[in-house]
């Protein structure tokens, strides 16, 4: 009796979802992301033309001033696939530091991870360390003598360094700067001695010899710095922290629509020219499934939550 009552309801919901998928898309698609010039903006604009061609509708990049604003706008959009979000790990890291106007898990449906951003542990040439083990030994011999720069509280440079400190048992002084440019400038000038920076912003300085690269923060070697070992393989087993950029839809977007969007995004990501452009910008393409991306998000939230808690990191 119960089944006979539920079956029509389930069939009705399935019919609605199928109808919405067949009708999708029926108007321009909006990708909400961060301000022009950011990594998520770059990814959005690189994917948008191919996505538009595949879906047969214009795809418009809607830039917002900051990750939190962009995420909130997308979380409140109608869940029909016509509003999407391209966002980095700031989507959930912000919520680990303070109250947010959205829930990074409950308010979004993951579509696919676009890229992995590996960071490089670099030191000023004056630092007497050519390997991770030598840096750890130096830091232990001179507690508090080495400073590291970051691009702000809770950012990749900050969390990578705090994880390193915790796992290595060393004391490094945090110096926070408002942005990547001043943080790197301070490192180049010797005001700070250590930094964890995503590969796109540091490669030229390493190549010129102005900075010395020791290792990458990923669990496996990066094609962006193929000659560098991982930190995990250089004395800190299990060390891993990378940047993540991905596509999301508002929660309750029909699964059939998610699958359609996923199919078109992955098709674009698998193009050789797109892969090359991402690599030139310092990112490795991923293109996983919605389920795999959801698992990546959960694992990254758990890992970064522990770093934040153990280091006692508070929002500015």
Protein backbone atom coordinates (compact mmCIF):
# COMPACT_ATOMS: atom_id res chain seq x y z
CA UNK A 1 0.00 0.00 0.00
CA UNK A 2 2.78 2.43 0.95
CA UNK A 3 4.71 1.62 -2.21
CA UNK A 4 1.64 2.26 -4.34
CA UNK A 5 1.34 5.72 -2.80
CA UNK A 6 5.03 6.59 -3.12
CA UNK A 7 5.53 5.32 -6.66
CA UNK A 8 3.45 8.05 -8.38
CA UNK A 9 5.34 10.71 -6.42
CA UNK A 10 8.71 9.29 -7.45
CA UNK A 11 7.59 9.01 -11.06
CA UNK A 12 6.37 12.60 -10.93
CA UNK A 13 9.72 13.84 -9.60
CA UNK A 14 11.56 11.85 -12.26
CA UNK A 15 9.34 13.31 -14.96
CA UNK A 16 10.04 16.84 -13.75
CA UNK A 17 13.79 16.18 -13.71
CA UNK A 18 13.74 14.64 -17.19
CA UNK A 19 11.72 17.55 -18.51
CA UNK A 20 14.11 20.08 -16.99
CA UNK A 21 17.07 18.23 -18.53
CA UNK A 22 15.43 18.08 -21.96
CA UNK A 23 14.69 21.79 -21.78
CA UNK A 24 18.19 22.66 -20.57
CA UNK A 25 19.64 25.11 -21.32
CA UNK A 26 16.96 27.47 -22.57
CA UNK A 27 18.71 30.78 -21.93
CA UNK A 28 22.26 32.16 -21.34
CA UNK A 29 24.31 30.52 -18.60
CA UNK A 30 26.03 32.57 -15.93
CA UNK A 31 29.33 31.59 -14.31
CA UNK A 32 29.69 33.48 -11.03
CA UNK A 33 33.29 33.85 -9.90
CA UNK A 34 35.81 36.21 -8.30
CA UNK A 35 37.07 39.55 -9.57
CA UNK A 36 38.79 39.85 -12.93
CA UNK A 37 42.38 38.65 -12.84
CA UNK A 38 42.00 35.95 -10.20
CA UNK A 39 42.71 32.28 -10.85
CA UNK A 40 39.03 31.32 -10.81
CA UNK A 41 38.27 34.13 -13.27
CA UNK A 42 41.01 32.84 -15.58
CA UNK A 43 39.57 29.31 -15.40
CA UNK A 44 36.04 30.57 -16.04
CA UNK A 45 37.03 32.53 -19.14
CA UNK A 46 39.11 29.66 -20.49
CA UNK A 47 36.25 27.16 -20.16
CA UNK A 48 33.35 29.46 -21.12
CA UNK A 49 33.71 29.45 -24.95
CA UNK A 50 33.87 25.66 -25.20
CA UNK A 51 31.03 25.25 -22.72
CA UNK A 52 28.94 27.67 -24.75
CA UNK A 53 29.61 25.73 -27.94
CA UNK A 54 28.68 22.45 -26.30
CA UNK A 55 25.48 23.68 -24.66
CA UNK A 56 24.35 25.94 -27.50
CA UNK A 57 23.82 29.01 -25.30
CA UNK A 58 25.95 32.05 -24.45
CA UNK A 59 28.03 31.61 -21.29
CA UNK A 60 28.61 34.84 -19.39
CA UNK A 61 31.26 35.31 -16.68
CA UNK A 62 29.80 37.28 -13.77
CA UNK A 63 32.67 38.67 -11.68
CA UNK A 64 32.06 39.50 -8.03
CA UNK A 65 34.26 41.31 -5.54
CA UNK A 66 35.57 38.47 -3.44
CA UNK A 67 35.13 34.73 -2.98
CA UNK A 68 32.52 35.07 -0.25
CA UNK A 69 30.29 37.39 -2.28
CA UNK A 70 30.54 35.17 -5.36
CA UNK A 71 29.74 32.05 -3.33
CA UNK A 72 26.75 33.66 -1.62
CA UNK A 73 25.30 34.86 -4.94
CA UNK A 74 25.61 31.39 -6.46
CA UNK A 75 24.19 29.65 -3.39
CA UNK A 76 20.96 31.70 -3.65
CA UNK A 77 20.47 31.26 -7.40
CA UNK A 78 17.69 29.17 -8.88
CA UNK A 79 18.95 25.56 -9.04
CA UNK A 80 18.27 24.95 -12.72
CA UNK A 81 21.80 24.87 -14.16
CA UNK A 82 21.70 28.39 -15.57
CA UNK A 83 23.87 29.73 -12.73
CA UNK A 84 27.16 28.00 -11.96
CA UNK A 85 30.04 28.85 -9.63
CA UNK A 86 33.77 28.57 -10.31
CA UNK A 87 35.58 28.82 -7.00
CA UNK A 88 38.75 27.75 -5.26
CA UNK A 89 39.16 26.28 -1.79
CA UNK A 90 38.21 29.69 -0.37
CA UNK A 91 34.63 28.42 -0.76
CA UNK A 92 35.09 26.24 2.32
CA UNK A 93 38.23 27.62 3.98
CA UNK A 94 36.41 30.87 4.78
CA UNK A 95 33.75 28.89 6.66
CA UNK A 96 36.46 27.20 8.73
CA UNK A 97 37.65 30.59 9.95
CA UNK A 98 34.40 32.46 10.55
CA UNK A 99 30.65 32.48 10.03
CA UNK A 100 29.64 32.55 6.37
CA UNK A 101 26.36 33.43 4.60
CA UNK A 102 26.29 29.95 3.02
CA UNK A 103 27.16 26.32 3.78
CA UNK A 104 29.91 24.98 1.47
CA UNK A 105 28.45 21.46 1.52
CA UNK A 106 24.69 21.87 1.93
CA UNK A 107 24.26 24.81 -0.47
CA UNK A 108 26.20 23.46 -3.46
CA UNK A 109 26.33 20.47 -5.79
CA UNK A 110 29.90 19.72 -6.97
CA UNK A 111 30.24 19.26 -10.73
CA UNK A 112 33.96 18.72 -11.35
CA UNK A 113 37.35 19.78 -10.12
CA UNK A 114 38.97 21.89 -12.80
CA UNK A 115 42.52 22.22 -11.58
CA UNK A 116 45.09 21.41 -8.93
CA UNK A 117 47.41 24.25 -7.89
CA UNK A 118 50.65 22.91 -6.44
CA UNK A 119 52.76 25.18 -4.25
CA UNK A 120 56.54 25.25 -4.11
CA UNK A 121 58.61 25.63 -0.96
CA UNK A 122 61.14 28.32 -1.83
CA UNK A 123 63.84 30.08 0.15
CA UNK A 124 65.94 33.18 -0.30
CA UNK A 125 69.44 32.32 -1.66
CA UNK A 126 70.98 33.49 1.62
CA UNK A 127 69.36 30.56 3.45
CA UNK A 128 71.90 27.79 3.98
CA UNK A 129 69.59 24.98 2.90
CA UNK A 130 69.36 23.11 -0.37
CA UNK A 131 66.91 20.44 0.75
CA UNK A 132 63.87 20.13 3.00
CA UNK A 133 65.90 18.19 5.58
CA UNK A 134 68.55 20.92 5.65
CA UNK A 135 65.89 23.61 6.10
CA UNK A 136 64.33 21.70 8.99
CA UNK A 137 67.75 21.26 10.61
CA UNK A 138 68.51 24.96 10.21
CA UNK A 139 65.14 25.97 11.67
CA UNK A 140 65.64 23.68 14.65
CA UNK A 141 69.13 25.03 15.25
CA UNK A 142 67.85 28.62 15.18
CA UNK A 143 64.26 28.64 16.51
CA UNK A 144 62.34 31.74 15.39
CA UNK A 145 65.21 33.05 13.27
CA UNK A 146 63.49 32.30 9.95
CA UNK A 147 60.45 34.24 8.76
CA UNK A 148 57.93 33.11 6.16
CA UNK A 149 55.66 35.32 4.11
CA UNK A 150 52.04 34.65 3.26
CA UNK A 151 49.37 36.31 1.17
CA UNK A 152 46.96 36.58 4.09
CA UNK A 153 45.49 34.59 6.98
CA UNK A 154 44.05 31.27 5.86
CA UNK A 155 45.51 31.47 2.36
CA UNK A 156 47.49 28.64 0.74
CA UNK A 157 50.89 30.11 1.70
CA UNK A 158 49.80 30.42 5.34
CA UNK A 159 48.25 26.96 5.70
CA UNK A 160 51.10 25.21 3.87
CA UNK A 161 53.64 26.82 6.20
CA UNK A 162 51.68 26.01 9.35
CA UNK A 163 51.31 22.38 8.29
CA UNK A 164 55.06 22.29 7.63
CA UNK A 165 55.80 23.80 11.05
CA UNK A 166 53.56 21.29 12.79
CA UNK A 167 54.89 18.21 11.00
CA UNK A 168 58.55 19.28 11.15
CA UNK A 169 58.39 20.58 14.71
CA UNK A 170 60.00 23.90 13.83
CA UNK A 171 59.38 27.53 14.74
CA UNK A 172 58.98 29.90 11.79
CA UNK A 173 57.65 33.45 12.22
CA UNK A 174 54.62 34.33 10.11
CA UNK A 175 54.65 37.67 8.27
CA UNK A 176 51.37 38.34 6.48
CA UNK A 177 51.13 40.55 3.40
CA UNK A 178 48.12 41.85 1.49
CA UNK A 179 48.55 39.88 -1.69
CA UNK A 180 51.01 37.72 -3.59
CA UNK A 181 53.10 40.54 -5.08
CA UNK A 182 54.22 42.15 -1.79
CA UNK A 183 54.78 38.71 -0.20
CA UNK A 184 57.11 37.67 -3.04
CA UNK A 185 58.80 41.09 -3.07
CA UNK A 186 59.62 40.70 0.62
CA UNK A 187 61.10 37.26 -0.07
CA UNK A 188 63.16 38.53 -3.00
CA UNK A 189 64.46 41.37 -0.83
CA UNK A 190 65.41 39.06 2.04
CA UNK A 191 62.98 40.60 4.53
CA UNK A 192 61.59 37.06 4.89
CA UNK A 193 63.46 33.87 4.11
CA UNK A 194 60.81 31.24 3.33
CA UNK A 195 57.58 31.03 1.35
CA UNK A 196 55.15 28.46 -0.01
CA UNK A 197 53.86 29.84 -3.28
CA UNK A 198 51.78 28.42 -6.10
CA UNK A 199 53.98 27.58 -9.08
CA UNK A 200 52.62 30.17 -11.50
CA UNK A 201 53.87 33.10 -9.44
CA UNK A 202 57.32 31.81 -8.56
CA UNK A 203 58.70 29.90 -11.56
CA UNK A 204 60.49 32.85 -13.20
CA UNK A 205 62.27 33.80 -9.96
CA UNK A 206 63.46 30.23 -9.45
CA UNK A 207 64.68 30.00 -13.03
CA UNK A 208 66.63 33.25 -12.69
CA UNK A 209 68.27 32.09 -9.47
CA UNK A 210 66.71 34.82 -7.35
CA UNK A 211 64.99 32.14 -5.27
CA UNK A 212 65.84 28.52 -4.50
CA UNK A 213 63.11 25.87 -4.82
CA UNK A 214 63.31 22.90 -2.46
CA UNK A 215 60.15 20.82 -2.99
CA UNK A 216 56.48 20.77 -3.99
CA UNK A 217 53.50 20.44 -1.68
CA UNK A 218 51.61 17.78 -3.63
CA UNK A 219 51.63 14.07 -2.79
CA UNK A 220 53.06 13.28 -6.22
CA UNK A 221 55.62 15.18 -8.36
CA UNK A 222 54.28 18.07 -10.42
CA UNK A 223 54.79 18.42 -14.19
CA UNK A 224 55.29 22.12 -13.54
CA UNK A 225 58.48 21.39 -11.53
CA UNK A 226 59.34 17.83 -12.58
CA UNK A 227 62.86 17.98 -11.13
CA UNK A 228 61.63 18.83 -7.63
CA UNK A 229 60.82 16.17 -5.02
CA UNK A 230 57.69 16.31 -2.90
CA UNK A 231 57.91 17.47 0.71
CA UNK A 232 56.40 14.12 1.66
CA UNK A 233 59.31 12.27 0.06
CA UNK A 234 61.87 14.71 1.48
CA UNK A 235 61.50 13.96 5.17
CA UNK A 236 57.86 14.69 6.05
CA UNK A 237 55.85 11.58 5.01
CA UNK A 238 52.17 12.35 4.46
CA UNK A 239 52.64 16.06 3.83
CA UNK A 240 50.16 17.25 1.20
CA UNK A 241 48.33 20.53 0.65
CA UNK A 242 47.33 21.86 -2.76
CA UNK A 243 45.00 24.45 -4.21
CA UNK A 244 41.70 23.33 -5.71
CA UNK A 245 39.53 25.10 -8.27
CA UNK A 246 36.23 23.64 -9.43
CA UNK A 247 32.76 24.02 -10.87
CA UNK A 248 29.73 23.99 -8.57
CA UNK A 249 25.98 24.37 -9.02
CA UNK A 250 23.43 25.51 -6.46
CA UNK A 251 22.15 22.64 -4.30
CA UNK A 252 19.09 20.79 -5.66
CA UNK A 253 20.11 21.34 -9.28
CA UNK A 254 18.69 18.26 -11.11
CA UNK A 255 21.17 15.40 -11.42
CA UNK A 256 20.50 15.15 -15.15
CA UNK A 257 21.50 18.79 -15.58
CA UNK A 258 24.63 18.25 -13.47
CA UNK A 259 25.60 15.32 -15.71
CA UNK A 260 25.06 17.37 -18.86
CA UNK A 261 27.16 20.28 -17.62
CA UNK A 262 29.83 17.88 -16.33
CA UNK A 263 30.05 16.17 -19.72
CA UNK A 264 30.62 19.46 -21.55
CA UNK A 265 33.14 20.83 -19.04
CA UNK A 266 35.20 17.63 -19.11
CA UNK A 267 35.16 17.66 -22.91
CA UNK A 268 36.68 21.15 -22.86
CA UNK A 269 39.19 20.29 -20.11
CA UNK A 270 40.47 17.30 -22.07
CA UNK A 271 41.43 19.44 -25.06
CA UNK A 272 45.20 19.64 -25.50
CA UNK A 273 45.17 23.41 -26.03
CA UNK A 274 43.18 23.98 -22.83
CA UNK A 275 45.49 21.74 -20.80
CA UNK A 276 48.48 23.65 -22.13
CA UNK A 277 47.00 27.06 -21.26
CA UNK A 278 46.30 25.93 -17.71
CA UNK A 279 49.83 24.53 -17.35
CA UNK A 280 51.32 27.78 -18.65
CA UNK A 281 49.33 29.58 -15.94
CA UNK A 282 50.63 27.22 -13.24
CA UNK A 283 47.70 24.80 -12.90
CA UNK A 284 47.21 21.11 -13.65
CA UNK A 285 43.82 20.04 -15.06
CA UNK A 286 41.85 17.34 -13.22
CA UNK A 287 38.34 16.71 -14.67
CA UNK A 288 36.97 14.22 -12.12
CA UNK A 289 33.37 13.11 -11.50
CA UNK A 290 30.90 14.98 -9.24
CA UNK A 291 31.26 12.19 -6.67
CA UNK A 292 35.05 12.28 -6.80
CA UNK A 293 35.07 16.06 -6.51
CA UNK A 294 32.77 15.89 -3.48
CA UNK A 295 35.22 13.46 -1.85
CA UNK A 296 38.15 15.80 -2.64
CA UNK A 297 36.30 18.68 -0.99
CA UNK A 298 35.53 16.67 2.14
CA UNK A 299 39.15 15.52 2.45
CA UNK A 300 40.50 19.05 1.92
CA UNK A 301 38.08 20.48 4.49
CA UNK A 302 39.17 17.89 7.05
CA UNK A 303 42.87 18.47 6.39
CA UNK A 304 42.68 22.26 6.49
CA UNK A 305 40.34 22.28 9.47
CA UNK A 306 42.96 20.35 11.44
CA UNK A 307 45.74 22.74 10.37
CA UNK A 308 43.65 25.76 11.39
CA UNK A 309 42.69 24.22 14.73
CA UNK A 310 46.18 22.98 15.61
CA UNK A 311 47.79 26.32 14.71
CA UNK A 312 45.10 28.36 16.45
CA UNK A 313 44.50 30.41 13.31
CA UNK A 314 41.88 33.14 13.63
CA UNK A 315 40.33 35.35 10.98
CA UNK A 316 41.70 38.91 10.70
